[in-house]
Amino acid sequence: MRTPRLEALPPRDGRWFEVDIGRQCLVQWQGECAMAEWPVSTALAGTGQREGSGCTPLGWHYVRAAIGAGQPAGAVFRGRRPTGEVYSTELAAAHPGRDWILTRILWLCGLERDVNRGGDVDSQRRYIYLHGTPPDQPMGEPRSHGCIRMRDEALLEVFALALPGTPVWLHE
């Protein structure tokens, strides 16, 4: 894994991702060409950098870790580890109010010191992910606790493309 250099972003030729918070979508880019787009759900609390804010952070990030390869769609994660459970309505009823992290995790790390890296604005220490969410949760509207939620099918497509080191730009 190679950490992207901030001054080289966005890549002229390489793959990168854009999270457009205003449009509630994730766009895959290859250099200057948009290749694909998926709906997402970002933070209900809006955008912000501070730890404990429940907000989605802004700025340049990169995929620090890709977690969950080989797990089934709907696999439940706690503390970035699979629990052995697979999401179902029965499981949801047994755990009301749980913030479900499903299928895969793309853990983001900030690249901009004092914006999304370091101190109380560090996206990695805030555990900001792209992750799956239950099918009854809406896409295209802010509803998360700070992460970027996606449908399982979309997340599996993105997971195959967003290798560790892939740049991700989050903006309003």
Protein backbone atom coordinates (compact mmCIF):
# COMPACT_ATOMS: atom_id res chain seq x y z
CA MET A 1 0.00 0.00 0.00
CA ARG A 2 1.32 3.42 -0.98
CA THR A 3 -0.03 6.52 0.75
CA PRO A 4 -1.10 9.10 -1.84
CA ARG A 5 0.63 12.47 -1.82
CA LEU A 6 -1.77 15.34 -1.25
CA GLU A 7 -0.15 17.53 -3.91
CA ALA A 8 -0.71 14.77 -6.52
CA LEU A 9 -4.50 14.63 -6.03
CA PRO A 10 -6.70 14.01 -7.83
CA PRO A 11 -4.64 11.51 -9.81
CA ARG A 12 -4.29 12.38 -13.49
CA ASP A 13 -4.56 8.77 -14.63
CA GLY A 14 -5.27 6.61 -11.59
CA ARG A 15 -8.47 5.46 -9.90
CA TRP A 16 -9.99 7.57 -7.15
CA PHE A 17 -13.37 8.07 -5.50
CA GLU A 18 -15.46 11.14 -4.78
CA VAL A 19 -18.12 11.29 -2.07
CA ASP A 20 -20.43 14.16 -3.03
CA ILE A 21 -22.27 14.83 0.22
CA GLY A 22 -24.67 17.34 -1.35
CA ARG A 23 -25.76 14.80 -3.97
CA GLN A 24 -25.41 11.82 -1.58
CA CYS A 25 -23.44 9.76 -4.08
CA LEU A 26 -20.09 8.03 -4.51
CA VAL A 27 -18.41 8.46 -7.90
CA GLN A 28 -15.59 6.29 -9.22
CA TRP A 29 -13.10 8.24 -11.34
CA GLN A 30 -10.32 7.09 -13.61
CA GLY A 31 -8.22 10.23 -13.93
CA GLU A 32 -10.64 12.85 -15.24
CA CYS A 33 -13.32 10.39 -16.41
CA ALA A 34 -16.29 9.45 -14.23
CA MET A 35 -16.76 5.69 -14.54
CA ALA A 36 -19.60 4.76 -12.17
CA GLU A 37 -21.86 6.23 -9.50
CA TRP A 38 -23.70 4.79 -6.48
CA PRO A 39 -26.08 6.33 -3.94
CA VAL A 40 -24.82 6.70 -0.35
CA SER A 41 -26.02 7.94 3.00
CA THR A 42 -23.72 10.23 5.00
CA ALA A 43 -24.16 11.73 8.48
CA LEU A 44 -27.51 12.93 9.72
CA ALA A 45 -25.53 15.54 11.72
CA GLY A 46 -24.01 16.96 8.51
CA THR A 47 -20.34 17.55 7.84
CA GLY A 48 -17.63 18.19 10.40
CA GLN A 49 -14.23 17.07 11.45
CA ARG A 50 -14.28 16.81 15.24
CA GLU A 51 -14.23 13.55 17.14
CA GLY A 52 -17.58 12.83 18.79
CA SER A 53 -19.48 15.11 16.40
CA GLY A 54 -21.31 12.34 14.53
CA CYS A 55 -20.49 14.26 11.35
CA THR A 56 -18.99 13.08 8.06
CA PRO A 57 -15.49 14.58 7.62
CA LEU A 58 -14.45 16.53 4.55
CA GLY A 59 -11.26 16.58 2.49
CA TRP A 60 -8.84 14.13 0.93
CA HIS A 61 -8.59 10.67 2.45
CA TYR A 62 -7.33 7.30 1.30
CA VAL A 63 -8.44 3.73 1.91
CA ARG A 64 -6.27 2.66 4.84
CA ALA A 65 -7.71 -0.84 5.14
CA ALA A 66 -10.16 -3.03 3.24
CA ILE A 67 -11.82 -5.40 5.71
CA GLY A 68 -14.13 -8.36 5.18
CA ALA A 69 -12.97 -10.07 1.99
CA GLY A 70 -14.54 -13.53 1.81
CA GLN A 71 -17.39 -12.73 4.21
CA PRO A 72 -20.95 -13.19 2.95
CA ALA A 73 -23.11 -10.22 1.99
CA GLY A 74 -24.82 -9.03 5.16
CA ALA A 75 -21.98 -10.19 7.44
CA VAL A 76 -22.16 -8.24 10.72
CA PHE A 77 -19.05 -6.44 12.00
CA ARG A 78 -18.28 -5.14 15.50
CA GLY A 79 -14.93 -3.50 16.15
CA ARG A 80 -13.94 -4.25 12.52
CA ARG A 81 -14.28 -7.99 13.13
CA PRO A 82 -16.99 -10.29 11.76
CA THR A 83 -19.30 -11.53 14.51
CA GLY A 84 -20.27 -14.67 12.59
CA GLU A 85 -23.80 -13.29 12.21
CA VAL A 86 -25.52 -12.39 8.95
CA TYR A 87 -28.03 -9.55 9.06
CA SER A 88 -31.72 -10.50 9.09
CA THR A 89 -34.92 -8.84 10.27
CA GLU A 90 -34.96 -11.28 13.20
CA LEU A 91 -31.45 -10.26 14.23
CA ALA A 92 -32.39 -6.57 13.87
CA ALA A 93 -35.45 -7.10 16.09
CA ALA A 94 -33.25 -8.72 18.73
CA HIS A 95 -30.88 -5.70 18.71
CA PRO A 96 -32.97 -2.55 18.24
CA GLY A 97 -31.06 0.69 17.84
CA ARG A 98 -27.82 -0.99 16.77
CA ASP A 99 -25.77 0.90 14.16
CA TRP A 100 -25.27 -1.95 11.72
CA ILE A 101 -21.94 -2.26 9.92
CA LEU A 102 -22.42 -4.91 7.27
CA THR A 103 -20.71 -6.81 4.45
CA ARG A 104 -17.37 -4.92 4.06
CA ILE A 105 -15.46 -2.02 5.59
CA LEU A 106 -13.29 0.48 3.74
CA TRP A 107 -11.55 2.33 6.57
CA LEU A 108 -10.56 5.88 5.64
CA CYS A 109 -7.49 7.81 6.76
CA GLY A 110 -7.24 11.58 6.33
CA LEU A 111 -4.44 13.18 4.32
CA GLU A 112 -4.81 16.80 5.45
CA ARG A 113 -3.06 17.67 8.72
CA ASP A 114 -5.35 19.52 11.15
CA VAL A 115 -8.29 19.05 8.76
CA ASN A 116 -8.85 15.27 8.85
CA ARG A 117 -5.53 13.98 10.18
CA GLY A 118 -4.12 14.31 13.68
CA GLY A 119 -5.52 15.54 16.98
CA ASP A 120 -9.27 15.51 17.49
CA VAL A 121 -10.01 15.67 13.75
CA ASP A 122 -8.36 12.38 12.76
CA SER A 123 -10.73 10.45 10.48
CA GLN A 124 -8.97 7.13 11.05
CA ARG A 125 -9.17 7.48 14.84
CA ARG A 126 -12.83 8.48 14.41
CA TYR A 127 -13.37 5.12 12.63
CA ILE A 128 -14.81 6.67 9.47
CA TYR A 129 -15.73 3.90 7.01
CA LEU A 130 -17.57 3.13 3.85
CA HIS A 131 -19.70 0.18 4.93
CA GLY A 132 -22.86 -1.76 4.21
CA THR A 133 -26.20 -1.04 5.85
CA PRO A 134 -29.52 -2.88 6.21
CA PRO A 135 -31.80 -2.90 3.16
CA ASP A 136 -34.51 -0.90 4.97
CA GLN A 137 -32.18 2.08 5.47
CA PRO A 138 -32.62 4.84 2.88
CA MET A 139 -29.95 5.82 0.39
CA GLY A 140 -29.63 9.31 -1.04
CA GLU A 141 -30.34 11.04 2.26
CA PRO A 142 -28.17 11.68 5.33
CA ARG A 143 -28.88 9.10 8.04
CA SER A 144 -25.53 7.75 9.31
CA HIS A 145 -23.54 8.44 12.47
CA GLY A 146 -20.63 9.86 10.42
CA CYS A 147 -19.68 7.02 8.09
CA ILE A 148 -20.66 6.59 4.46
CA ARG A 149 -23.31 3.87 4.17
CA MET A 150 -23.93 1.90 0.99
CA ARG A 151 -26.15 -0.92 -0.22
CA ASP A 152 -24.40 -4.28 -0.01
CA GLU A 153 -24.37 -4.86 -3.78
CA ALA A 154 -22.85 -1.43 -4.44
CA LEU A 155 -20.32 -1.83 -1.63
CA LEU A 156 -19.15 -5.16 -3.04
CA GLU A 157 -18.49 -3.47 -6.41
CA VAL A 158 -16.60 -0.60 -4.77
CA PHE A 159 -14.67 -2.95 -2.47
CA ALA A 160 -13.28 -4.77 -5.53
CA LEU A 161 -12.03 -1.43 -6.93
CA ALA A 162 -10.92 0.53 -3.85
CA LEU A 163 -7.69 -1.17 -2.86
CA PRO A 164 -5.76 0.16 0.12
CA GLY A 165 -4.08 3.40 -0.92
CA THR A 166 -6.94 4.51 -3.20
CA PRO A 167 -7.68 8.27 -2.77
CA VAL A 168 -11.15 9.33 -1.63
CA TRP A 169 -12.34 12.96 -1.70
CA LEU A 170 -15.26 13.92 0.55
CA HIS A 171 -16.88 17.28 -0.15
CA GLU A 172 -20.18 19.17 0.08
